[in-house]
Amino acid sequence: MPEITVSDSLYRQLVSVSEDGDLDKTMWRMVAHYGRGNHPGD
């Protein structure tokens, strides 16, 4: 899986909004949401 580097403050924000502390699930939801917003016809 690819890795990304984020600032400590962004990481803390992501962890704080993660459901049950599942950061991977939260990140995949963000990717899906981004994809729907940028490719609404797909």
C-alpha atoms as a PDB file:
ATOM      1  CA  MET A   1       0.000   0.000   0.000  1.00  0.00           C
ATOM      2  CA  PRO A   2       1.325   3.491  -0.755  1.00  0.00           C
ATOM      3  CA  GLU A   3       2.443   5.679   2.106  1.00  0.00           C
ATOM      4  CA  ILE A   4       1.803   9.373   2.556  1.00  0.00           C
ATOM      5  CA  THR A   5       3.474  11.840   4.875  1.00  0.00           C
ATOM      6  CA  VAL A   6       1.286  14.292   6.775  1.00  0.00           C
ATOM      7  CA  SER A   7       1.950  16.846   9.471  1.00  0.00           C
ATOM      8  CA  ASP A   8       1.416  15.912  13.110  1.00  0.00           C
ATOM      9  CA  SER A   9      -1.556  18.255  13.379  1.00  0.00           C
ATOM     10  CA  LEU A  10      -3.277  16.727  10.329  1.00  0.00           C
ATOM     11  CA  TYR A  11      -2.600  13.229  11.650  1.00  0.00           C
ATOM     12  CA  ARG A  12      -4.182  14.128  14.998  1.00  0.00           C
ATOM     13  CA  GLN A  13      -7.237  15.527  13.180  1.00  0.00           C
ATOM     14  CA  LEU A  14      -7.608  12.333  11.142  1.00  0.00           C
ATOM     15  CA  VAL A  15      -7.319  10.159  14.239  1.00  0.00           C
ATOM     16  CA  SER A  16      -9.864  12.288  16.096  1.00  0.00           C
ATOM     17  CA  VAL A  17     -12.514  11.788  13.377  1.00  0.00           C
ATOM     18  CA  SER A  18     -11.738   8.107  12.802  1.00  0.00           C
ATOM     19  CA  GLU A  19     -14.490   5.716  13.803  1.00  0.00           C
ATOM     20  CA  ASP A  20     -13.255   3.309  16.479  1.00  0.00           C
ATOM     21  CA  GLY A  21      -9.696   4.466  15.778  1.00  0.00           C
ATOM     22  CA  ASP A  22      -9.705   2.789  12.343  1.00  0.00           C
ATOM     23  CA  LEU A  23      -7.589   5.260  10.396  1.00  0.00           C
ATOM     24  CA  ASP A  24      -7.419   3.077   7.259  1.00  0.00           C
ATOM     25  CA  LYS A  25     -11.211   2.924   7.006  1.00  0.00           C
ATOM     26  CA  THR A  26     -11.438   6.687   7.448  1.00  0.00           C
ATOM     27  CA  MET A  27      -8.842   7.307   4.743  1.00  0.00           C
ATOM     28  CA  TRP A  28     -10.648   5.010   2.264  1.00  0.00           C
ATOM     29  CA  ARG A  29     -13.932   6.830   2.964  1.00  0.00           C
ATOM     30  CA  MET A  30     -12.188  10.132   2.248  1.00  0.00           C
ATOM     31  CA  VAL A  31     -10.796   8.770  -1.031  1.00  0.00           C
ATOM     32  CA  ALA A  32     -14.243   7.517  -2.083  1.00  0.00           C
ATOM     33  CA  HIS A  33     -15.847  10.834  -1.174  1.00  0.00           C
ATOM     34  CA  TYR A  34     -13.193  12.728  -3.138  1.00  0.00           C
ATOM     35  CA  GLY A  35     -13.714  10.471  -6.161  1.00  0.00           C
ATOM     36  CA  ARG A  36     -17.483  10.977  -6.152  1.00  0.00           C
ATOM     37  CA  GLY A  37     -17.042  14.734  -5.901  1.00  0.00           C
ATOM     38  CA  ASN A  38     -14.618  14.896  -8.802  1.00  0.00           C
ATOM     39  CA  HIS A  39     -16.206  12.269 -11.081  1.00  0.00           C
ATOM     40  CA  PRO A  40     -19.959  12.527 -10.437  1.00  0.00           C
ATOM     41  CA  GLY A  41     -20.869  10.816 -13.721  1.00  0.00           C
ATOM     42  CA  ASP A  42     -19.039   7.579 -12.922  1.00  0.00           C
END
